[in-house]
Amino acid sequence: MRAAFDGAVVRHGPTVLRVCRAVLGPGPDADDAWSETFLSALRAWPDLPEETNVEAWLVRVAHRRAVDVVRRSARMAAPAGGADEVALLEEWEGSGRGRSGGGWSGNRAGDDDELGDHPIWCAVAALPTRQRLSVAYRYLGGLPYAEIAALIGGSEAAARRAAADGVAALRRTVPDQTVPRQTERDQTVQTTPTMEGP
């Protein structure tokens, strides 16, 4: 079981880190969310059903841990739930801690992300919160739109629209091959076993 978990960290760790950075900006908050994601996952690992899409499950855990990091850093209690969590992230960003603060100024020296200090991070930071989360969870985390809607609130169609608008904005801002193109995965309905976890 330990070897399987270690393999999941190696296999999905970079994806989870990119998702945390897209939500919180590159920096210590994203690093904290990444660490807490895998600590939570380790605790829940023995009870995880075999058929679970591990990457999608880890992205959902990363979303909750990112919100927890924001709650702690803002020292505010907020109700759990998609729309409330998005509002909390927006408030945190507006206070100067989030994407408008120092965390989004670019990646630190020695950063291990393959995008390095690519302008895509600043372009992602400039997206409205729902678009940024939809793009991150869809294109970095591979979640189906129904699960994105469950995480951030709203309908599946609204999550699909937010992701499309976000990608269109990124293409206008960073017109190269870094911006995701629509794939067959975007055109099909995916089902991922849902497990309420950490």
C-alpha atoms as a PDB file:
ATOM      1  CA  MET A   1       0.000   0.000   0.000  1.00  0.00           C
ATOM      2  CA  ARG A   2       2.858   2.396   0.833  1.00  0.00           C
ATOM      3  CA  ALA A   3       4.498   1.768  -2.533  1.00  0.00           C
ATOM      4  CA  ALA A   4       1.206   2.535  -4.307  1.00  0.00           C
ATOM      5  CA  PHE A   5       0.863   5.820  -2.427  1.00  0.00           C
ATOM      6  CA  ASP A   6       4.487   6.775  -3.154  1.00  0.00           C
ATOM      7  CA  GLY A   7       3.825   6.036  -6.826  1.00  0.00           C
ATOM      8  CA  ALA A   8       0.738   8.276  -6.751  1.00  0.00           C
ATOM      9  CA  VAL A   9       2.807  11.128  -5.296  1.00  0.00           C
ATOM     10  CA  VAL A  10       5.432  10.741  -8.024  1.00  0.00           C
ATOM     11  CA  ARG A  11       2.856  10.347 -10.802  1.00  0.00           C
ATOM     12  CA  HIS A  12       0.365  13.039  -9.752  1.00  0.00           C
ATOM     13  CA  GLY A  13       2.476  15.393  -7.616  1.00  0.00           C
ATOM     14  CA  PRO A  14       3.355  17.763 -10.475  1.00  0.00           C
ATOM     15  CA  THR A  15      -0.302  18.033 -11.537  1.00  0.00           C
ATOM     16  CA  VAL A  16      -1.408  18.772  -7.985  1.00  0.00           C
ATOM     17  CA  LEU A  17       1.326  21.401  -7.629  1.00  0.00           C
ATOM     18  CA  ARG A  18       0.252  23.137 -10.854  1.00  0.00           C
ATOM     19  CA  VAL A  19      -3.372  23.137  -9.669  1.00  0.00           C
ATOM     20  CA  CYS A  20      -2.361  24.608  -6.292  1.00  0.00           C
ATOM     21  CA  ARG A  21      -0.333  27.302  -8.042  1.00  0.00           C
ATOM     22  CA  ALA A  22      -3.169  28.132 -10.417  1.00  0.00           C
ATOM     23  CA  VAL A  23      -5.512  28.581  -7.443  1.00  0.00           C
ATOM     24  CA  LEU A  24      -3.154  30.317  -4.992  1.00  0.00           C
ATOM     25  CA  GLY A  25      -0.277  31.626  -7.080  1.00  0.00           C
ATOM     26  CA  PRO A  26       3.254  30.256  -7.038  1.00  0.00           C
ATOM     27  CA  GLY A  27       4.752  30.572  -3.600  1.00  0.00           C
ATOM     28  CA  PRO A  28       4.528  29.254  -0.064  1.00  0.00           C
ATOM     29  CA  ASP A  29       0.713  29.126   0.048  1.00  0.00           C
ATOM     30  CA  ALA A  30       0.618  26.792  -2.960  1.00  0.00           C
ATOM     31  CA  ASP A  31       3.446  24.717  -1.496  1.00  0.00           C
ATOM     32  CA  ASP A  32       1.508  24.416   1.779  1.00  0.00           C
ATOM     33  CA  ALA A  33      -1.643  23.346  -0.065  1.00  0.00           C
ATOM     34  CA  TRP A  34       0.366  20.741  -2.013  1.00  0.00           C
ATOM     35  CA  SER A  35       1.854  19.293   1.171  1.00  0.00           C
ATOM     36  CA  GLU A  36      -1.487  19.250   2.958  1.00  0.00           C
ATOM     37  CA  THR A  37      -3.112  17.578  -0.041  1.00  0.00           C
ATOM     38  CA  PHE A  38      -0.768  14.610   0.203  1.00  0.00           C
ATOM     39  CA  LEU A  39      -0.949  14.446   4.002  1.00  0.00           C
ATOM     40  CA  SER A  40      -4.742  14.260   3.757  1.00  0.00           C
ATOM     41  CA  ALA A  41      -4.493  11.758   0.926  1.00  0.00           C
ATOM     42  CA  LEU A  42      -2.148   9.555   2.946  1.00  0.00           C
ATOM     43  CA  ARG A  43      -4.673   9.408   5.784  1.00  0.00           C
ATOM     44  CA  ALA A  44      -7.522   8.518   3.415  1.00  0.00           C
ATOM     45  CA  TRP A  45      -5.492   6.210   1.154  1.00  0.00           C
ATOM     46  CA  PRO A  46      -6.332   2.885   2.880  1.00  0.00           C
ATOM     47  CA  ASP A  47     -10.090   3.494   2.403  1.00  0.00           C
ATOM     48  CA  LEU A  48      -9.878   4.672  -1.214  1.00  0.00           C
ATOM     49  CA  PRO A  49     -11.909   2.401  -3.534  1.00  0.00           C
ATOM     50  CA  GLU A  50      -9.865   0.605  -6.196  1.00  0.00           C
ATOM     51  CA  GLU A  51     -11.848   2.135  -9.075  1.00  0.00           C
ATOM     52  CA  THR A  52     -11.160   5.732  -7.991  1.00  0.00           C
ATOM     53  CA  ASN A  53      -9.568   8.065 -10.511  1.00  0.00           C
ATOM     54  CA  VAL A  54      -6.675   9.016  -8.223  1.00  0.00           C
ATOM     55  CA  GLU A  55      -5.633  12.134 -10.104  1.00  0.00           C
ATOM     56  CA  ALA A  56      -9.167  13.577 -10.104  1.00  0.00           C
ATOM     57  CA  TRP A  57      -9.563  12.685  -6.422  1.00  0.00           C
ATOM     58  CA  LEU A  58      -6.275  14.431  -5.576  1.00  0.00           C
ATOM     59  CA  VAL A  59      -7.381  17.550  -7.475  1.00  0.00           C
ATOM     60  CA  ARG A  60     -10.579  17.666  -5.392  1.00  0.00           C
ATOM     61  CA  VAL A  61      -8.527  17.254  -2.201  1.00  0.00           C
ATOM     62  CA  ALA A  62      -6.143  20.003  -3.423  1.00  0.00           C
ATOM     63  CA  HIS A  63      -9.090  22.364  -3.910  1.00  0.00           C
ATOM     64  CA  ARG A  64     -10.209  21.831  -0.315  1.00  0.00           C
ATOM     65  CA  ARG A  65      -6.671  22.213   1.046  1.00  0.00           C
ATOM     66  CA  ALA A  66      -6.167  25.431  -0.961  1.00  0.00           C
ATOM     67  CA  VAL A  67      -9.338  26.846   0.570  1.00  0.00           C
ATOM     68  CA  ASP A  68      -8.091  25.749   4.007  1.00  0.00           C
ATOM     69  CA  VAL A  69      -4.799  27.595   3.429  1.00  0.00           C
ATOM     70  CA  VAL A  70      -6.749  30.743   2.534  1.00  0.00           C
ATOM     71  CA  ARG A  71      -8.961  30.416   5.602  1.00  0.00           C
ATOM     72  CA  ARG A  72      -5.946  30.045   7.865  1.00  0.00           C
ATOM     73  CA  SER A  73      -3.947  32.856   6.320  1.00  0.00           C
ATOM     74  CA  ALA A  74      -6.954  35.168   6.373  1.00  0.00           C
ATOM     75  CA  ARG A  75      -7.878  33.959   9.865  1.00  0.00           C
ATOM     76  CA  MET A  76     -11.499  33.817   8.863  1.00  0.00           C
ATOM     77  CA  ALA A  77     -14.105  31.159   9.160  1.00  0.00           C
ATOM     78  CA  ALA A  78     -16.320  30.608   6.161  1.00  0.00           C
ATOM     79  CA  PRO A  79     -18.946  28.020   5.397  1.00  0.00           C
ATOM     80  CA  ALA A  80     -17.918  25.153   3.161  1.00  0.00           C
ATOM     81  CA  GLY A  81     -19.399  24.839  -0.289  1.00  0.00           C
ATOM     82  CA  GLY A  82     -18.665  25.752  -3.893  1.00  0.00           C
ATOM     83  CA  ALA A  83     -19.967  29.323  -4.165  1.00  0.00           C
ATOM     84  CA  ASP A  84     -18.878  30.218  -0.627  1.00  0.00           C
ATOM     85  CA  GLU A  85     -15.357  28.903  -1.254  1.00  0.00           C
ATOM     86  CA  VAL A  86     -15.054  30.887  -4.491  1.00  0.00           C
ATOM     87  CA  ALA A  87     -16.208  34.024  -2.657  1.00  0.00           C
ATOM     88  CA  LEU A  88     -13.595  33.352   0.041  1.00  0.00           C
ATOM     89  CA  LEU A  89     -10.862  33.007  -2.601  1.00  0.00           C
ATOM     90  CA  GLU A  90     -12.018  36.249  -4.254  1.00  0.00           C
ATOM     91  CA  GLU A  91     -11.955  38.101  -0.928  1.00  0.00           C
ATOM     92  CA  TRP A  92      -8.490  36.730  -0.147  1.00  0.00           C
ATOM     93  CA  GLU A  93      -7.194  37.811  -3.562  1.00  0.00           C
ATOM     94  CA  GLY A  94      -8.652  41.279  -3.087  1.00  0.00           C
ATOM     95  CA  SER A  95      -6.882  41.647   0.255  1.00  0.00           C
ATOM     96  CA  GLY A  96      -3.486  41.493  -1.447  1.00  0.00           C
ATOM     97  CA  ARG A  97      -2.618  37.957  -0.325  1.00  0.00           C
ATOM     98  CA  GLY A  98      -3.732  36.200  -3.479  1.00  0.00           C
ATOM     99  CA  ARG A  99      -3.081  36.716  -7.150  1.00  0.00           C
ATOM    100  CA  SER A 100      -2.926  40.490  -6.820  1.00  0.00           C
ATOM    101  CA  GLY A 101      -0.322  40.147  -4.063  1.00  0.00           C
ATOM    102  CA  GLY A 102       3.291  39.113  -4.107  1.00  0.00           C
ATOM    103  CA  GLY A 103       2.633  35.437  -4.731  1.00  0.00           C
ATOM    104  CA  TRP A 104       1.871  36.022  -8.410  1.00  0.00           C
ATOM    105  CA  SER A 105       4.959  38.033  -9.250  1.00  0.00           C
ATOM    106  CA  GLY A 106       6.524  35.046 -10.969  1.00  0.00           C
ATOM    107  CA  ASN A 107       8.109  31.805  -9.994  1.00  0.00           C
ATOM    108  CA  ARG A 108      10.989  31.732  -7.592  1.00  0.00           C
ATOM    109  CA  ALA A 109      14.513  30.810  -8.611  1.00  0.00           C
ATOM    110  CA  GLY A 110      14.993  27.080  -8.677  1.00  0.00           C
ATOM    111  CA  ASP A 111      11.299  26.427  -9.258  1.00  0.00           C
ATOM    112  CA  ASP A 112      10.744  22.902 -10.499  1.00  0.00           C
ATOM    113  CA  ASP A 113       7.730  23.634 -12.708  1.00  0.00           C
ATOM    114  CA  GLU A 114       8.474  23.029 -16.380  1.00  0.00           C
ATOM    115  CA  LEU A 115       6.882  26.360 -17.262  1.00  0.00           C
ATOM    116  CA  GLY A 116       9.452  28.163 -15.134  1.00  0.00           C
ATOM    117  CA  ASP A 117       8.764  31.894 -15.258  1.00  0.00           C
ATOM    118  CA  HIS A 118       6.585  31.596 -18.368  1.00  0.00           C
ATOM    119  CA  PRO A 119       4.129  34.470 -18.834  1.00  0.00           C
ATOM    120  CA  ILE A 120       1.262  31.976 -18.624  1.00  0.00           C
ATOM    121  CA  TRP A 121       1.328  32.253 -14.802  1.00  0.00           C
ATOM    122  CA  CYS A 122       0.648  35.993 -14.938  1.00  0.00           C
ATOM    123  CA  ALA A 123      -2.038  35.439 -17.554  1.00  0.00           C
ATOM    124  CA  VAL A 124      -3.688  32.781 -15.375  1.00  0.00           C
ATOM    125  CA  ALA A 125      -3.494  35.152 -12.403  1.00  0.00           C
ATOM    126  CA  ALA A 126      -5.330  37.838 -14.382  1.00  0.00           C
ATOM    127  CA  LEU A 127      -8.337  35.589 -15.014  1.00  0.00           C
ATOM    128  CA  PRO A 128     -11.455  36.073 -12.904  1.00  0.00           C
ATOM    129  CA  THR A 129     -11.621  33.504 -10.102  1.00  0.00           C
ATOM    130  CA  ARG A 130     -14.258  31.203 -11.605  1.00  0.00           C
ATOM    131  CA  GLN A 131     -12.478  31.144 -14.955  1.00  0.00           C
ATOM    132  CA  ARG A 132      -9.113  30.495 -13.317  1.00  0.00           C
ATOM    133  CA  LEU A 133     -10.497  27.646 -11.205  1.00  0.00           C
ATOM    134  CA  SER A 134     -12.396  26.128 -14.132  1.00  0.00           C
ATOM    135  CA  VAL A 135      -9.314  26.217 -16.364  1.00  0.00           C
ATOM    136  CA  ALA A 136      -7.098  24.795 -13.609  1.00  0.00           C
ATOM    137  CA  TYR A 137      -9.438  21.978 -12.637  1.00  0.00           C
ATOM    138  CA  ARG A 138     -10.270  21.072 -16.240  1.00  0.00           C
ATOM    139  CA  TYR A 139      -6.963  21.424 -18.047  1.00  0.00           C
ATOM    140  CA  LEU A 140      -4.481  20.832 -15.243  1.00  0.00           C
ATOM    141  CA  GLY A 141      -6.533  18.461 -13.113  1.00  0.00           C
ATOM    142  CA  GLY A 142      -8.603  16.733 -15.791  1.00  0.00           C
ATOM    143  CA  LEU A 143     -11.885  16.988 -13.868  1.00  0.00           C
ATOM    144  CA  PRO A 144     -15.160  16.705 -15.746  1.00  0.00           C
ATOM    145  CA  TYR A 145     -17.302  19.836 -15.779  1.00  0.00           C
ATOM    146  CA  ALA A 146     -19.894  18.330 -13.453  1.00  0.00           C
ATOM    147  CA  GLU A 147     -17.231  17.896 -10.758  1.00  0.00           C
ATOM    148  CA  ILE A 148     -15.886  21.395 -11.366  1.00  0.00           C
ATOM    149  CA  ALA A 149     -19.407  22.756 -10.866  1.00  0.00           C
ATOM    150  CA  ALA A 150     -19.685  20.797  -7.617  1.00  0.00           C
ATOM    151  CA  LEU A 151     -16.396  22.301  -6.376  1.00  0.00           C
ATOM    152  CA  ILE A 152     -16.957  25.931  -7.328  1.00  0.00           C
ATOM    153  CA  GLY A 153     -20.750  26.125  -7.377  1.00  0.00           C
ATOM    154  CA  GLY A 154     -23.061  26.719 -10.304  1.00  0.00           C
ATOM    155  CA  SER A 155     -24.088  24.447 -13.139  1.00  0.00           C
ATOM    156  CA  GLU A 156     -22.081  22.180 -15.391  1.00  0.00           C
ATOM    157  CA  ALA A 157     -22.842  24.529 -18.302  1.00  0.00           C
ATOM    158  CA  ALA A 158     -21.536  27.510 -16.304  1.00  0.00           C
ATOM    159  CA  ALA A 159     -18.293  25.645 -15.513  1.00  0.00           C
ATOM    160  CA  ARG A 160     -17.910  24.746 -19.202  1.00  0.00           C
ATOM    161  CA  ARG A 161     -18.504  28.403 -20.187  1.00  0.00           C
ATOM    162  CA  ALA A 162     -16.055  29.704 -17.562  1.00  0.00           C
ATOM    163  CA  ALA A 163     -13.354  27.307 -18.788  1.00  0.00           C
ATOM    164  CA  ALA A 164     -13.968  28.261 -22.428  1.00  0.00           C
ATOM    165  CA  ASP A 165     -13.871  31.977 -21.614  1.00  0.00           C
ATOM    166  CA  GLY A 166     -10.709  31.487 -19.550  1.00  0.00           C
ATOM    167  CA  VAL A 167      -8.927  29.592 -22.323  1.00  0.00           C
ATOM    168  CA  ALA A 168     -10.008  32.220 -24.869  1.00  0.00           C
ATOM    169  CA  ALA A 169      -8.581  34.964 -22.638  1.00  0.00           C
ATOM    170  CA  LEU A 170      -5.345  33.025 -22.220  1.00  0.00           C
ATOM    171  CA  ARG A 171      -5.024  32.570 -25.988  1.00  0.00           C
ATOM    172  CA  ARG A 172      -5.402  36.328 -26.470  1.00  0.00           C
ATOM    173  CA  THR A 173      -2.816  37.041 -23.756  1.00  0.00           C
ATOM    174  CA  VAL A 174      -0.295  34.254 -24.394  1.00  0.00           C
ATOM    175  CA  PRO A 175      -0.678  33.300 -28.062  1.00  0.00           C
ATOM    176  CA  ASP A 176       1.468  30.176 -28.193  1.00  0.00           C
ATOM    177  CA  GLN A 177       1.132  26.437 -27.782  1.00  0.00           C
ATOM    178  CA  THR A 178       1.155  26.655 -23.965  1.00  0.00           C
ATOM    179  CA  VAL A 179      -2.576  27.414 -23.859  1.00  0.00           C
ATOM    180  CA  PRO A 180      -4.702  24.247 -23.933  1.00  0.00           C
ATOM    181  CA  ARG A 181      -6.631  23.317 -27.032  1.00  0.00           C
ATOM    182  CA  GLN A 182      -9.996  21.600 -26.866  1.00  0.00           C
ATOM    183  CA  THR A 183      -9.524  17.853 -26.881  1.00  0.00           C
ATOM    184  CA  GLU A 184     -11.810  14.885 -27.299  1.00  0.00           C
ATOM    185  CA  ARG A 185     -11.845  14.664 -23.505  1.00  0.00           C
ATOM    186  CA  ASP A 186     -13.638  18.032 -23.451  1.00  0.00           C
ATOM    187  CA  GLN A 187     -16.306  16.725 -25.775  1.00  0.00           C
ATOM    188  CA  THR A 188     -17.141  13.574 -23.846  1.00  0.00           C
ATOM    189  CA  VAL A 189     -18.772  13.071 -20.506  1.00  0.00           C
ATOM    190  CA  GLN A 190     -16.442  11.542 -17.958  1.00  0.00           C
ATOM    191  CA  THR A 191     -17.515   9.778 -14.864  1.00  0.00           C
ATOM    192  CA  THR A 192     -15.229   9.668 -11.900  1.00  0.00           C
ATOM    193  CA  PRO A 193     -16.236   7.794  -8.783  1.00  0.00           C
ATOM    194  CA  THR A 194     -16.966  10.381  -6.164  1.00  0.00           C
ATOM    195  CA  MET A 195     -15.520   9.834  -2.739  1.00  0.00           C
ATOM    196  CA  GLU A 196     -15.919  12.323  -0.022  1.00  0.00           C
ATOM    197  CA  GLY A 197     -12.558  12.460   1.578  1.00  0.00           C
ATOM    198  CA  PRO A 198     -10.292  14.873   3.320  1.00  0.00           C
END
